[in-house]
Structures are given as structure tokens and as C-alpha cells.
Amino acid sequence: MCISAEALALFLNLIVAPITSEPGRIIVHAEEIDAHWVQLEDRWCTMAPQLQGREMFAALEN
């Protein structure tokens, strides 16, 4: 999932989770999983929704 820098800034202002950053990367330390946002040109992208979905399916198999 990729969003604009403006949309990411709005999202980060709404959440209460701790955040760390370095050039080109922002990490949201949520309760369930760390969401890594990576800058790709003028967009910010994360694989967190896909990773979280995989974890949910894996838990159902057990």
C-alpha cells in the first residue's frame, strides 16, 4: 500500500503509537506489529497490511 506524504503525515498525527524514523523510513511501533513505511520517490509505502493478513491466516491454521 502506498500513499502520499501528505496522507502519511495526517495518519501519523492521528495515531498514538510510538514512531521512529531515519531518512527514507518511518517505523510505527503498533501493539501487534511494527509497520515500516519506506519512501519511494514521492510516495510512502508499507507492506504491513499484507504481513498482518498472513499472520492472521497462520494463526487460524494452528
Protein backbone atom coordinates (compact mmCIF):
# COMPACT_ATOMS: atom_id res chain seq x y z
CA MET A 1 0.00 0.00 0.00
CA CYS A 2 1.38 3.41 -0.96
CA ILE A 3 0.12 6.87 -0.02
CA SER A 4 1.24 10.46 -0.49
CA ALA A 5 3.48 12.22 2.01
CA GLU A 6 0.54 14.42 2.99
CA ALA A 7 -1.68 11.40 3.71
CA LEU A 8 1.10 9.76 5.75
CA ALA A 9 1.56 12.95 7.78
CA LEU A 10 -2.20 13.04 8.54
CA PHE A 11 -2.14 9.36 9.55
CA LEU A 12 0.89 9.81 11.82
CA ASN A 13 -0.80 12.78 13.53
CA LEU A 14 -3.88 10.66 14.31
CA ILE A 15 -2.22 7.63 15.89
CA VAL A 16 -0.85 7.33 19.42
CA ALA A 17 1.79 4.63 18.75
CA PRO A 18 5.48 5.43 19.16
CA ILE A 19 7.28 6.32 15.93
CA THR A 20 10.96 6.20 14.98
CA SER A 21 12.44 7.48 11.75
CA GLU A 22 15.55 7.66 9.65
CA PRO A 23 16.00 9.13 6.18
CA GLY A 24 13.57 7.38 3.82
CA ARG A 25 11.99 5.16 6.52
CA ILE A 26 9.40 5.64 9.27
CA ILE A 27 8.56 2.86 11.72
CA VAL A 28 5.25 2.88 13.59
CA HIS A 29 5.55 0.67 16.68
CA ALA A 30 1.96 -0.54 16.96
CA GLU A 31 0.72 -3.04 19.56
CA GLU A 32 0.55 -6.00 17.16
CA ILE A 33 3.33 -5.34 14.65
CA ASP A 34 5.83 -2.67 13.62
CA ALA A 35 4.74 -1.00 10.38
CA HIS A 36 7.66 0.08 8.23
CA TRP A 37 6.94 2.92 5.80
CA VAL A 38 9.55 3.36 3.05
CA GLN A 39 9.84 6.36 0.77
CA LEU A 40 9.63 5.53 -2.93
CA GLU A 41 10.01 8.74 -4.92
CA ASP A 42 7.07 10.97 -3.85
CA ARG A 43 5.07 8.18 -2.15
CA TRP A 44 5.37 6.29 1.14
CA CYS A 45 4.75 2.53 1.01
CA THR A 46 4.23 -0.24 3.58
CA MET A 47 3.72 -4.00 3.46
CA ALA A 48 2.08 -4.00 6.92
CA PRO A 49 -1.47 -4.86 5.72
CA GLN A 50 -0.20 -7.86 3.75
CA LEU A 51 2.03 -9.06 6.59
CA GLN A 52 -0.74 -8.71 9.15
CA GLY A 53 -3.10 -10.69 6.90
CA ARG A 54 -0.57 -13.50 6.58
CA GLU A 55 -0.16 -13.65 10.36
CA MET A 56 -3.92 -13.86 10.86
CA PHE A 57 -4.21 -16.78 8.42
CA ALA A 58 -1.24 -18.53 10.03
CA ALA A 59 -2.88 -18.23 13.45
CA LEU A 60 -6.07 -19.81 12.08
CA GLU A 61 -4.12 -22.84 10.86
CA ASN A 62 -2.88 -23.63 14.38
